[in-house]
Amino acid sequence: MPHSSSTAIGQLLQELRAGNQTAFDDLLPQVYDELHRLAGKQRHRWDGDDTLNTTALVHEAYFRLAGQSAPEWQNRAHFLSVAAAAMRQILIDYSKRKHAAKRGGRSPHVPLHEVEAALLQGGTSPEVRDEALVALDDSLRRLEQMNHRQMRIVECRFFGGMSVEDTAEALGISPATVKRGWSMAQAWLYRDLTVHTGKTW
């Protein structure tokens, strides 16, 4: 992002922290392309399911962010990490509604290889992707209880598609800590999903 745009975003975020809610309307055009990029990364994994398209995801995230009464976004990276969290929750809520309607609300019992295919490679059915996302969310909630920072790293890196450097800036930690936490979180999630998705090794 050009330096001038980053500076403008920083100024608008400062105004928001100072209580100027109208600054949010000026913020959207400055960050729309990046929000669209974040949403596009998520939609790529859900290829073939057009009900919640990229633009719809961006707009839903915008309304959720605009509804925050006292945002404390410190900088561009911090704002994008919050947007990634909002998109994660939107996708989770959307998938849970679809899953509950189809399966009567029962917990997903998805083999681990299907979770990996749905979330990392794509190419699986919308139903399997919905169940995989619900399974991953359940696992992330368990990780949050163990290590909140690692959960946030996954949120930024996986759901936000953020770089190591942007994740470090957003969370106020070093890039080395992000890399270490990302590796540890992936290993933990793999073990947890192995236990909870019914895969027999």
N, C-alpha and C. Protein backbone atom coordinates (compact mmCIF):
# COMPACT_ATOMS: atom_id res chain seq x y z
N MET A 1 0.85 -1.20 0.00
CA MET A 1 0.00 0.00 0.00
C MET A 1 0.88 1.24 0.00
N PRO A 2 0.57 2.25 -0.82
CA PRO A 2 1.37 3.48 -0.85
C PRO A 2 1.42 4.12 0.52
N HIS A 3 2.54 4.81 0.79
CA HIS A 3 2.72 5.43 2.10
C HIS A 3 1.62 6.44 2.39
N SER A 4 1.20 7.22 1.36
CA SER A 4 0.18 8.23 1.57
C SER A 4 -1.12 7.61 2.04
N SER A 5 -1.48 6.45 1.47
CA SER A 5 -2.70 5.77 1.88
C SER A 5 -2.60 5.27 3.30
N SER A 6 -1.43 4.70 3.66
CA SER A 6 -1.23 4.22 5.02
C SER A 6 -1.34 5.38 6.01
N THR A 7 -0.79 6.53 5.63
CA THR A 7 -0.86 7.70 6.50
C THR A 7 -2.30 8.16 6.67
N ALA A 8 -3.05 8.18 5.58
CA ALA A 8 -4.45 8.60 5.64
C ALA A 8 -5.26 7.65 6.52
N ILE A 9 -5.00 6.36 6.39
CA ILE A 9 -5.69 5.37 7.22
C ILE A 9 -5.36 5.59 8.68
N GLY A 10 -4.09 5.82 8.97
CA GLY A 10 -3.68 6.06 10.35
C GLY A 10 -4.38 7.27 10.95
N GLN A 11 -4.51 8.33 10.16
CA GLN A 11 -5.17 9.55 10.64
C GLN A 11 -6.65 9.30 10.91
N LEU A 12 -7.29 8.54 10.01
CA LEU A 12 -8.72 8.24 10.19
C LEU A 12 -8.94 7.35 11.41
N LEU A 13 -8.06 6.40 11.63
CA LEU A 13 -8.18 5.53 12.81
C LEU A 13 -7.99 6.35 14.09
N GLN A 14 -7.09 7.32 14.04
CA GLN A 14 -6.89 8.19 15.19
C GLN A 14 -8.15 8.99 15.47
N GLU A 15 -8.80 9.48 14.42
CA GLU A 15 -10.06 10.22 14.60
C GLU A 15 -11.14 9.33 15.19
N LEU A 16 -11.19 8.08 14.75
CA LEU A 16 -12.18 7.14 15.30
C LEU A 16 -11.94 6.92 16.79
N ARG A 17 -10.67 6.74 17.15
CA ARG A 17 -10.36 6.54 18.58
C ARG A 17 -10.73 7.77 19.39
N ALA A 18 -10.70 8.94 18.75
CA ALA A 18 -11.04 10.18 19.44
C ALA A 18 -12.55 10.39 19.52
N GLY A 19 -13.31 9.49 18.88
CA GLY A 19 -14.77 9.59 18.97
C GLY A 19 -15.47 10.13 17.76
N ASN A 20 -14.74 10.40 16.68
CA ASN A 20 -15.35 10.91 15.46
C ASN A 20 -15.87 9.74 14.62
N GLN A 21 -17.12 9.35 14.82
CA GLN A 21 -17.67 8.18 14.14
C GLN A 21 -17.83 8.39 12.63
N THR A 22 -17.94 9.65 12.20
CA THR A 22 -18.09 9.90 10.76
C THR A 22 -16.81 9.54 10.00
N ALA A 23 -15.71 9.40 10.71
CA ALA A 23 -14.45 9.05 10.03
C ALA A 23 -14.53 7.66 9.42
N PHE A 24 -15.43 6.83 9.93
CA PHE A 24 -15.53 5.47 9.40
C PHE A 24 -15.99 5.49 7.94
N ASP A 25 -16.87 6.42 7.60
CA ASP A 25 -17.33 6.53 6.21
C ASP A 25 -16.19 6.90 5.27
N ASP A 26 -15.25 7.69 5.79
CA ASP A 26 -14.09 8.05 4.98
C ASP A 26 -13.06 6.92 4.93
N LEU A 27 -13.11 6.05 5.94
CA LEU A 27 -12.14 4.96 6.02
C LEU A 27 -12.41 3.89 4.97
N LEU A 28 -13.69 3.57 4.74
CA LEU A 28 -14.03 2.45 3.85
C LEU A 28 -13.36 2.55 2.48
N PRO A 29 -13.45 3.71 1.78
CA PRO A 29 -12.79 3.75 0.45
C PRO A 29 -11.29 3.50 0.52
N GLN A 30 -10.67 3.86 1.65
CA GLN A 30 -9.23 3.69 1.80
C GLN A 30 -8.83 2.22 1.98
N VAL A 31 -9.72 1.43 2.58
CA VAL A 31 -9.39 0.03 2.90
C VAL A 31 -10.19 -0.97 2.08
N TYR A 32 -11.06 -0.48 1.20
CA TYR A 32 -11.97 -1.40 0.50
C TYR A 32 -11.20 -2.45 -0.30
N ASP A 33 -10.17 -2.02 -1.03
CA ASP A 33 -9.43 -2.98 -1.85
C ASP A 33 -8.81 -4.08 -1.00
N GLU A 34 -8.27 -3.70 0.16
CA GLU A 34 -7.65 -4.71 1.02
C GLU A 34 -8.70 -5.62 1.66
N LEU A 35 -9.84 -5.05 2.03
CA LEU A 35 -10.93 -5.89 2.54
C LEU A 35 -11.39 -6.87 1.46
N HIS A 36 -11.46 -6.38 0.24
CA HIS A 36 -11.87 -7.24 -0.87
C HIS A 36 -10.85 -8.35 -1.09
N ARG A 37 -9.57 -8.01 -0.93
CA ARG A 37 -8.52 -9.02 -1.07
C ARG A 37 -8.64 -10.08 0.02
N LEU A 38 -8.87 -9.65 1.26
CA LEU A 38 -9.05 -10.59 2.36
C LEU A 38 -10.24 -11.51 2.09
N ALA A 39 -11.35 -10.90 1.67
CA ALA A 39 -12.55 -11.69 1.40
C ALA A 39 -12.32 -12.64 0.24
N GLY A 40 -11.58 -12.17 -0.77
CA GLY A 40 -11.31 -13.01 -1.93
C GLY A 40 -10.53 -14.25 -1.56
N LYS A 41 -9.58 -14.13 -0.64
CA LYS A 41 -8.81 -15.29 -0.20
C LYS A 41 -9.74 -16.33 0.45
N GLN A 42 -10.69 -15.85 1.22
CA GLN A 42 -11.63 -16.77 1.85
C GLN A 42 -12.58 -17.39 0.82
N ARG A 43 -13.07 -16.57 -0.09
CA ARG A 43 -14.00 -17.08 -1.10
C ARG A 43 -13.32 -18.10 -2.01
N HIS A 44 -12.01 -17.97 -2.23
CA HIS A 44 -11.29 -18.93 -3.06
C HIS A 44 -11.41 -20.33 -2.48
N ARG A 45 -11.39 -20.42 -1.16
CA ARG A 45 -11.52 -21.72 -0.52
C ARG A 45 -12.94 -22.26 -0.63
N TRP A 46 -13.89 -21.35 -0.82
CA TRP A 46 -15.30 -21.77 -0.91
C TRP A 46 -15.80 -21.71 -2.35
N ASP A 47 -14.90 -21.98 -3.30
CA ASP A 47 -15.24 -21.92 -4.71
C ASP A 47 -16.40 -22.87 -5.02
N GLY A 48 -17.39 -22.37 -5.74
CA GLY A 48 -18.53 -23.19 -6.09
C GLY A 48 -19.75 -22.89 -5.26
N ASP A 49 -19.61 -22.09 -4.20
CA ASP A 49 -20.74 -21.71 -3.36
C ASP A 49 -20.91 -20.20 -3.49
N ASP A 50 -21.86 -19.79 -4.33
CA ASP A 50 -22.00 -18.37 -4.66
C ASP A 50 -22.98 -17.62 -3.77
N THR A 51 -23.56 -18.32 -2.79
CA THR A 51 -24.58 -17.66 -1.96
C THR A 51 -23.97 -16.50 -1.19
N LEU A 52 -22.78 -16.69 -0.66
CA LEU A 52 -22.08 -15.63 0.06
C LEU A 52 -20.85 -15.27 -0.77
N ASN A 53 -21.00 -14.31 -1.67
CA ASN A 53 -19.88 -13.99 -2.55
C ASN A 53 -18.93 -12.99 -1.89
N THR A 54 -17.86 -12.67 -2.59
CA THR A 54 -16.82 -11.80 -2.03
C THR A 54 -17.36 -10.45 -1.62
N THR A 55 -18.14 -9.83 -2.50
CA THR A 55 -18.69 -8.50 -2.20
C THR A 55 -19.61 -8.55 -0.99
N ALA A 56 -20.43 -9.59 -0.91
CA ALA A 56 -21.33 -9.74 0.24
C ALA A 56 -20.54 -9.88 1.53
N LEU A 57 -19.43 -10.63 1.47
CA LEU A 57 -18.60 -10.81 2.66
C LEU A 57 -17.97 -9.49 3.09
N VAL A 58 -17.49 -8.70 2.12
CA VAL A 58 -16.91 -7.39 2.43
C VAL A 58 -17.95 -6.49 3.09
N HIS A 59 -19.14 -6.44 2.52
CA HIS A 59 -20.18 -5.56 3.04
C HIS A 59 -20.65 -5.99 4.42
N GLU A 60 -20.77 -7.29 4.63
CA GLU A 60 -21.17 -7.78 5.96
C GLU A 60 -20.10 -7.44 7.00
N ALA A 61 -18.83 -7.61 6.62
CA ALA A 61 -17.74 -7.26 7.54
C ALA A 61 -17.76 -5.76 7.83
N TYR A 62 -18.01 -4.97 6.80
CA TYR A 62 -18.07 -3.51 6.98
C TYR A 62 -19.14 -3.13 8.00
N PHE A 63 -20.33 -3.72 7.87
CA PHE A 63 -21.41 -3.38 8.79
C PHE A 63 -21.10 -3.82 10.22
N ARG A 64 -20.44 -4.95 10.35
CA ARG A 64 -20.05 -5.39 11.69
C ARG A 64 -19.02 -4.46 12.31
N LEU A 65 -18.05 -4.05 11.51
CA LEU A 65 -17.02 -3.15 12.02
C LEU A 65 -17.61 -1.77 12.31
N ALA A 66 -18.51 -1.30 11.45
CA ALA A 66 -19.13 0.01 11.66
C ALA A 66 -19.99 0.02 12.92
N GLY A 67 -20.48 -1.13 13.33
CA GLY A 67 -21.35 -1.22 14.50
C GLY A 67 -20.62 -1.19 15.83
N GLN A 68 -19.28 -1.21 15.78
CA GLN A 68 -18.52 -1.17 17.04
C GLN A 68 -18.56 0.25 17.60
N SER A 69 -18.96 0.35 18.84
CA SER A 69 -19.21 1.67 19.44
C SER A 69 -17.94 2.46 19.74
N ALA A 70 -16.89 1.76 20.17
CA ALA A 70 -15.65 2.47 20.53
C ALA A 70 -14.44 1.70 20.01
N PRO A 71 -14.22 1.73 18.71
CA PRO A 71 -13.10 0.96 18.15
C PRO A 71 -11.76 1.48 18.64
N GLU A 72 -10.85 0.54 18.87
CA GLU A 72 -9.51 0.89 19.35
C GLU A 72 -8.44 0.45 18.36
N TRP A 73 -8.77 0.51 17.08
CA TRP A 73 -7.82 0.09 16.06
C TRP A 73 -6.62 1.02 16.06
N GLN A 74 -5.43 0.42 16.21
CA GLN A 74 -4.22 1.22 16.38
C GLN A 74 -3.58 1.63 15.05
N ASN A 75 -3.70 0.78 14.04
CA ASN A 75 -3.06 1.05 12.76
C ASN A 75 -3.72 0.18 11.69
N ARG A 76 -3.21 0.30 10.48
CA ARG A 76 -3.79 -0.45 9.36
C ARG A 76 -3.77 -1.95 9.61
N ALA A 77 -2.62 -2.49 10.06
CA ALA A 77 -2.52 -3.93 10.29
C ALA A 77 -3.50 -4.40 11.37
N HIS A 78 -3.62 -3.60 12.43
CA HIS A 78 -4.55 -3.96 13.51
C HIS A 78 -5.99 -3.97 12.98
N PHE A 79 -6.33 -2.96 12.18
CA PHE A 79 -7.67 -2.91 11.60
C PHE A 79 -7.94 -4.14 10.73
N LEU A 80 -6.96 -4.52 9.90
CA LEU A 80 -7.14 -5.67 9.02
C LEU A 80 -7.26 -6.96 9.81
N SER A 81 -6.57 -7.07 10.93
CA SER A 81 -6.69 -8.27 11.76
C SER A 81 -8.09 -8.38 12.36
N VAL A 82 -8.66 -7.23 12.74
CA VAL A 82 -10.03 -7.22 13.27
C VAL A 82 -11.01 -7.57 12.14
N ALA A 83 -10.73 -7.07 10.94
CA ALA A 83 -11.58 -7.40 9.80
C ALA A 83 -11.51 -8.89 9.49
N ALA A 84 -10.32 -9.47 9.60
CA ALA A 84 -10.17 -10.91 9.37
C ALA A 84 -10.98 -11.71 10.38
N ALA A 85 -10.96 -11.25 11.64
CA ALA A 85 -11.74 -11.92 12.68
C ALA A 85 -13.23 -11.82 12.37
N ALA A 86 -13.66 -10.65 11.89
CA ALA A 86 -15.07 -10.47 11.55
C ALA A 86 -15.47 -11.38 10.39
N MET A 87 -14.61 -11.50 9.38
CA MET A 87 -14.90 -12.38 8.26
C MET A 87 -14.95 -13.83 8.69
N ARG A 88 -14.04 -14.20 9.58
CA ARG A 88 -14.08 -15.57 10.10
C ARG A 88 -15.43 -15.84 10.73
N GLN A 89 -15.90 -14.92 11.58
CA GLN A 89 -17.16 -15.14 12.29
C GLN A 89 -18.34 -15.16 11.34
N ILE A 90 -18.30 -14.32 10.31
CA ILE A 90 -19.37 -14.31 9.31
C ILE A 90 -19.44 -15.66 8.60
N LEU A 91 -18.29 -16.17 8.18
CA LEU A 91 -18.26 -17.46 7.50
C LEU A 91 -18.70 -18.58 8.41
N ILE A 92 -18.28 -18.51 9.68
CA ILE A 92 -18.68 -19.53 10.65
C ILE A 92 -20.19 -19.51 10.84
N ASP A 93 -20.74 -18.33 11.08
CA ASP A 93 -22.18 -18.21 11.30
C ASP A 93 -22.96 -18.71 10.09
N TYR A 94 -22.49 -18.33 8.91
CA TYR A 94 -23.15 -18.74 7.68
C TYR A 94 -23.12 -20.26 7.52
N SER A 95 -21.95 -20.86 7.77
CA SER A 95 -21.82 -22.31 7.62
C SER A 95 -22.61 -23.05 8.68
N LYS A 96 -22.64 -22.51 9.90
CA LYS A 96 -23.40 -23.18 10.95
C LYS A 96 -24.89 -23.18 10.65
N ARG A 97 -25.39 -22.07 10.11
CA ARG A 97 -26.81 -22.03 9.75
C ARG A 97 -27.13 -23.07 8.69
N LYS A 98 -26.28 -23.16 7.68
CA LYS A 98 -26.50 -24.14 6.63
C LYS A 98 -26.39 -25.56 7.17
N HIS A 99 -25.39 -25.77 8.03
CA HIS A 99 -25.16 -27.09 8.59
C HIS A 99 -26.34 -27.51 9.47
N ALA A 100 -26.82 -26.58 10.29
CA ALA A 100 -27.94 -26.90 11.18
C ALA A 100 -29.19 -27.23 10.39
N ALA A 101 -29.41 -26.51 9.29
CA ALA A 101 -30.60 -26.76 8.49
C ALA A 101 -30.54 -28.13 7.82
N LYS A 102 -29.34 -28.56 7.43
CA LYS A 102 -29.21 -29.82 6.72
C LYS A 102 -29.10 -31.02 7.66
N ARG A 103 -28.47 -30.81 8.81
CA ARG A 103 -28.17 -31.94 9.69
C ARG A 103 -28.88 -31.86 11.03
N GLY A 104 -29.80 -30.95 11.17
CA GLY A 104 -30.52 -30.86 12.43
C GLY A 104 -29.68 -30.36 13.58
N GLY A 105 -28.56 -29.66 13.27
CA GLY A 105 -27.75 -29.06 14.33
C GLY A 105 -26.75 -29.99 14.98
N ARG A 106 -26.61 -31.23 14.47
CA ARG A 106 -25.65 -32.15 15.08
C ARG A 106 -24.23 -31.67 14.83
N SER A 107 -23.31 -32.03 15.72
CA SER A 107 -21.91 -31.64 15.57
C SER A 107 -21.31 -32.32 14.35
N PRO A 108 -20.44 -31.63 13.62
CA PRO A 108 -19.83 -32.23 12.44
C PRO A 108 -18.90 -33.37 12.82
N HIS A 109 -18.85 -34.40 11.97
CA HIS A 109 -17.97 -35.55 12.19
C HIS A 109 -17.24 -35.79 10.88
N VAL A 110 -16.32 -34.89 10.58
CA VAL A 110 -15.66 -34.86 9.27
C VAL A 110 -14.27 -35.48 9.38
N PRO A 111 -13.93 -36.45 8.52
CA PRO A 111 -12.57 -36.99 8.53
C PRO A 111 -11.55 -35.88 8.33
N LEU A 112 -10.40 -36.02 8.97
CA LEU A 112 -9.38 -34.98 8.92
C LEU A 112 -8.94 -34.67 7.50
N HIS A 113 -8.81 -35.67 6.66
CA HIS A 113 -8.34 -35.40 5.30
C HIS A 113 -9.35 -34.54 4.54
N GLU A 114 -10.63 -34.62 4.90
CA GLU A 114 -11.63 -33.78 4.25
C GLU A 114 -11.55 -32.35 4.77
N VAL A 115 -11.22 -32.18 6.04
CA VAL A 115 -11.01 -30.84 6.58
C VAL A 115 -9.84 -30.18 5.85
N GLU A 116 -8.75 -30.91 5.72
CA GLU A 116 -7.57 -30.37 5.04
C GLU A 116 -7.88 -30.02 3.59
N ALA A 117 -8.57 -30.91 2.89
CA ALA A 117 -8.89 -30.65 1.49
C ALA A 117 -9.80 -29.44 1.35
N ALA A 118 -10.78 -29.34 2.24
CA ALA A 118 -11.75 -28.25 2.15
C ALA A 118 -11.12 -26.91 2.47
N LEU A 119 -10.25 -26.87 3.45
CA LEU A 119 -9.73 -25.60 3.94
C LEU A 119 -8.41 -25.20 3.29
N LEU A 120 -7.66 -26.14 2.80
CA LEU A 120 -6.35 -25.80 2.25
C LEU A 120 -6.29 -25.93 0.74
N GLN A 121 -7.06 -26.85 0.17
CA GLN A 121 -6.92 -27.12 -1.25
C GLN A 121 -8.17 -26.79 -2.04
N GLY A 122 -9.32 -26.82 -1.42
CA GLY A 122 -10.57 -26.60 -2.14
C GLY A 122 -10.96 -27.83 -2.93
N GLY A 123 -11.98 -27.68 -3.76
CA GLY A 123 -12.36 -28.77 -4.63
C GLY A 123 -13.30 -29.78 -4.01
N THR A 124 -13.79 -29.53 -2.81
CA THR A 124 -14.73 -30.44 -2.19
C THR A 124 -16.13 -29.84 -2.26
N SER A 125 -17.11 -30.62 -1.86
CA SER A 125 -18.49 -30.16 -1.97
C SER A 125 -18.77 -29.05 -0.96
N PRO A 126 -19.74 -28.16 -1.27
CA PRO A 126 -20.10 -27.09 -0.32
C PRO A 126 -20.48 -27.64 1.05
N GLU A 127 -21.17 -28.77 1.10
CA GLU A 127 -21.58 -29.34 2.38
C GLU A 127 -20.37 -29.74 3.22
N VAL A 128 -19.39 -30.39 2.58
CA VAL A 128 -18.18 -30.78 3.31
C VAL A 128 -17.41 -29.54 3.75
N ARG A 129 -17.34 -28.51 2.90
CA ARG A 129 -16.63 -27.29 3.29
C ARG A 129 -17.31 -26.62 4.48
N ASP A 130 -18.63 -26.59 4.50
CA ASP A 130 -19.34 -26.01 5.65
C ASP A 130 -19.00 -26.77 6.93
N GLU A 131 -19.03 -28.09 6.85
CA GLU A 131 -18.74 -28.90 8.03
C GLU A 131 -17.28 -28.74 8.45
N ALA A 132 -16.39 -28.62 7.46
CA ALA A 132 -14.98 -28.45 7.78
C ALA A 132 -14.73 -27.13 8.49
N LEU A 133 -15.41 -26.07 8.05
CA LEU A 133 -15.23 -24.77 8.67
C LEU A 133 -15.76 -24.78 10.11
N VAL A 134 -16.88 -25.45 10.33
CA VAL A 134 -17.42 -25.57 11.68
C VAL A 134 -16.45 -26.36 12.56
N ALA A 135 -15.89 -27.44 12.02
CA ALA A 135 -14.92 -28.24 12.78
C ALA A 135 -13.69 -27.42 13.14
N LEU A 136 -13.19 -26.63 12.18
CA LEU A 136 -12.03 -25.79 12.44
C LEU A 136 -12.35 -24.73 13.49
N ASP A 137 -13.53 -24.13 13.42
CA ASP A 137 -13.91 -23.13 14.40
C ASP A 137 -13.96 -23.72 15.80
N ASP A 138 -14.53 -24.92 15.92
CA ASP A 138 -14.56 -25.58 17.22
C ASP A 138 -13.14 -25.79 17.75
N SER A 139 -12.24 -26.20 16.86
CA SER A 139 -10.86 -26.43 17.26
C SER A 139 -10.17 -25.12 17.64
N LEU A 140 -10.44 -24.04 16.90
CA LEU A 140 -9.86 -22.74 17.23
C LEU A 140 -10.35 -22.24 18.58
N ARG A 141 -11.59 -22.51 18.92
CA ARG A 141 -12.11 -22.11 20.23
C ARG A 141 -11.39 -22.86 21.35
N ARG A 142 -11.08 -24.13 21.10
CA ARG A 142 -10.31 -24.88 22.09
C ARG A 142 -8.89 -24.34 22.19
N LEU A 143 -8.30 -23.98 21.04
CA LEU A 143 -6.96 -23.39 21.06
C LEU A 143 -6.96 -22.06 21.81
N GLU A 144 -8.01 -21.27 21.65
CA GLU A 144 -8.10 -19.98 22.34
C GLU A 144 -8.02 -20.16 23.84
N GLN A 145 -8.62 -21.23 24.35
CA GLN A 145 -8.57 -21.50 25.79
C GLN A 145 -7.15 -21.82 26.24
N MET A 146 -6.37 -22.43 25.34
CA MET A 146 -5.01 -22.82 25.66
C MET A 146 -4.01 -21.67 25.41
N ASN A 147 -4.20 -20.98 24.29
CA ASN A 147 -3.23 -19.95 23.91
C ASN A 147 -3.92 -18.94 22.99
N HIS A 148 -4.37 -17.84 23.57
CA HIS A 148 -5.12 -16.83 22.82
C HIS A 148 -4.28 -16.24 21.69
N ARG A 149 -2.99 -16.01 21.95
CA ARG A 149 -2.13 -15.41 20.93
C ARG A 149 -2.04 -16.30 19.70
N GLN A 150 -1.87 -17.60 19.90
CA GLN A 150 -1.77 -18.50 18.76
C GLN A 150 -3.07 -18.52 17.95
N MET A 151 -4.20 -18.44 18.65
CA MET A 151 -5.47 -18.38 17.93
C MET A 151 -5.54 -17.14 17.07
N ARG A 152 -5.08 -15.99 17.60
CA ARG A 152 -5.10 -14.74 16.83
C ARG A 152 -4.15 -14.82 15.63
N ILE A 153 -3.02 -15.50 15.81
CA ILE A 153 -2.08 -15.67 14.70
C ILE A 153 -2.75 -16.47 13.58
N VAL A 154 -3.45 -17.53 13.93
CA VAL A 154 -4.16 -18.32 12.93
C VAL A 154 -5.22 -17.47 12.24
N GLU A 155 -5.92 -16.67 13.02
CA GLU A 155 -6.97 -15.81 12.48
C GLU A 155 -6.39 -14.85 11.43
N CYS A 156 -5.25 -14.24 11.76
CA CYS A 156 -4.62 -13.30 10.84
C CYS A 156 -4.03 -14.01 9.63
N ARG A 157 -3.29 -15.08 9.87
CA ARG A 157 -2.57 -15.74 8.78
C ARG A 157 -3.50 -16.55 7.90
N PHE A 158 -4.43 -17.31 8.49
CA PHE A 158 -5.28 -18.19 7.71
C PHE A 158 -6.51 -17.48 7.19
N PHE A 159 -7.27 -16.85 8.08
CA PHE A 159 -8.50 -16.20 7.65
C PHE A 159 -8.24 -14.85 7.00
N GLY A 160 -7.20 -14.16 7.44
CA GLY A 160 -6.91 -12.86 6.87
C GLY A 160 -5.91 -12.88 5.74
N GLY A 161 -5.19 -14.01 5.58
CA GLY A 161 -4.17 -14.08 4.55
C GLY A 161 -3.09 -13.03 4.74
N MET A 162 -2.86 -12.62 6.00
CA MET A 162 -1.91 -11.56 6.28
C MET A 162 -0.48 -12.10 6.31
N SER A 163 0.45 -11.26 5.94
CA SER A 163 1.86 -11.64 5.97
C SER A 163 2.33 -11.77 7.42
N VAL A 164 3.49 -12.38 7.57
CA VAL A 164 4.09 -12.50 8.91
C VAL A 164 4.31 -11.11 9.50
N GLU A 165 4.80 -10.18 8.67
CA GLU A 165 5.10 -8.83 9.15
C GLU A 165 3.83 -8.09 9.57
N ASP A 166 2.77 -8.18 8.76
CA ASP A 166 1.51 -7.51 9.11
C ASP A 166 0.90 -8.13 10.36
N THR A 167 0.99 -9.45 10.48
CA THR A 167 0.47 -10.12 11.67
C THR A 167 1.23 -9.66 12.91
N ALA A 168 2.55 -9.55 12.78
CA ALA A 168 3.37 -9.10 13.91
C ALA A 168 2.97 -7.68 14.32
N GLU A 169 2.77 -6.80 13.33
CA GLU A 169 2.39 -5.42 13.63
C GLU A 169 1.01 -5.37 14.28
N ALA A 170 0.08 -6.18 13.76
CA ALA A 170 -1.29 -6.18 14.27
C ALA A 170 -1.35 -6.65 15.71
N LEU A 171 -0.54 -7.64 16.05
CA LEU A 171 -0.61 -8.24 17.38
C LEU A 171 0.44 -7.67 18.34
N GLY A 172 1.30 -6.80 17.84
CA GLY A 172 2.31 -6.19 18.71
C GLY A 172 3.37 -7.16 19.17
N ILE A 173 3.76 -8.08 18.29
CA ILE A 173 4.79 -9.06 18.62
C ILE A 173 5.81 -9.08 17.49
N SER A 174 6.89 -9.83 17.66
CA SER A 174 7.94 -9.87 16.66
C SER A 174 7.59 -10.87 15.55
N PRO A 175 8.14 -10.68 14.35
CA PRO A 175 7.93 -11.65 13.27
C PRO A 175 8.37 -13.06 13.67
N ALA A 176 9.46 -13.16 14.42
CA ALA A 176 9.93 -14.48 14.87
C ALA A 176 8.89 -15.15 15.76
N THR A 177 8.23 -14.37 16.62
CA THR A 177 7.18 -14.92 17.48
C THR A 177 5.99 -15.37 16.65
N VAL A 178 5.67 -14.62 15.60
CA VAL A 178 4.58 -15.02 14.71
C VAL A 178 4.91 -16.35 14.05
N LYS A 179 6.11 -16.48 13.50
CA LYS A 179 6.50 -17.71 12.82
C LYS A 179 6.47 -18.90 13.76
N ARG A 180 6.98 -18.71 14.97
CA ARG A 180 6.99 -19.79 15.94
C ARG A 180 5.56 -20.16 16.36
N GLY A 181 4.75 -19.13 16.63
CA GLY A 181 3.38 -19.37 17.04
C GLY A 181 2.55 -20.02 15.94
N TRP A 182 2.80 -19.61 14.70
CA TRP A 182 2.08 -20.18 13.55
C TRP A 182 2.39 -21.67 13.41
N SER A 183 3.66 -22.03 13.54
CA SER A 183 4.04 -23.45 13.45
C SER A 183 3.44 -24.26 14.59
N MET A 184 3.50 -23.72 15.80
CA MET A 184 2.96 -24.43 16.96
C MET A 184 1.45 -24.56 16.86
N ALA A 185 0.79 -23.50 16.40
CA ALA A 185 -0.67 -23.53 16.29
C ALA A 185 -1.11 -24.56 15.25
N GLN A 186 -0.41 -24.60 14.11
CA GLN A 186 -0.77 -25.58 13.09
C GLN A 186 -0.63 -27.01 13.61
N ALA A 187 0.46 -27.26 14.33
CA ALA A 187 0.67 -28.61 14.89
C ALA A 187 -0.42 -28.94 15.91
N TRP A 188 -0.78 -27.95 16.75
CA TRP A 188 -1.81 -28.19 17.76
C TRP A 188 -3.16 -28.46 17.10
N LEU A 189 -3.52 -27.65 16.09
CA LEU A 189 -4.79 -27.82 15.41
C LEU A 189 -4.86 -29.17 14.71
N TYR A 190 -3.74 -29.60 14.13
CA TYR A 190 -3.72 -30.89 13.45
C TYR A 190 -4.02 -32.01 14.45
N ARG A 191 -3.37 -31.95 15.61
CA ARG A 191 -3.62 -32.98 16.63
C ARG A 191 -5.05 -32.91 17.12
N ASP A 192 -5.53 -31.69 17.37
CA ASP A 192 -6.88 -31.54 17.90
C ASP A 192 -7.93 -32.02 16.89
N LEU A 193 -7.75 -31.66 15.62
CA LEU A 193 -8.69 -32.11 14.61
C LEU A 193 -8.63 -33.63 14.44
N THR A 194 -7.44 -34.20 14.60
CA THR A 194 -7.31 -35.65 14.52
C THR A 194 -8.18 -36.32 15.58
N VAL A 195 -8.18 -35.75 16.78
CA VAL A 195 -8.95 -36.31 17.89
C VAL A 195 -10.44 -36.11 17.70
N HIS A 196 -10.84 -34.93 17.21
CA HIS A 196 -12.25 -34.55 17.23
C HIS A 196 -13.00 -34.75 15.91
N THR A 197 -12.31 -35.13 14.84
CA THR A 197 -13.03 -35.31 13.58
C THR A 197 -13.29 -36.75 13.22
N GLY A 198 -12.90 -37.67 14.10
CA GLY A 198 -13.22 -39.06 13.85
C GLY A 198 -12.25 -39.78 12.96
N LYS A 199 -11.10 -39.19 12.69
CA LYS A 199 -10.10 -39.85 11.84
C LYS A 199 -9.33 -40.87 12.65
N THR A 200 -9.19 -42.08 12.14
CA THR A 200 -8.43 -43.13 12.81
C THR A 200 -7.07 -43.28 12.12
N TRP A 201 -6.00 -43.19 12.90
CA TRP A 201 -4.66 -43.27 12.33
C TRP A 201 -4.03 -44.60 12.73
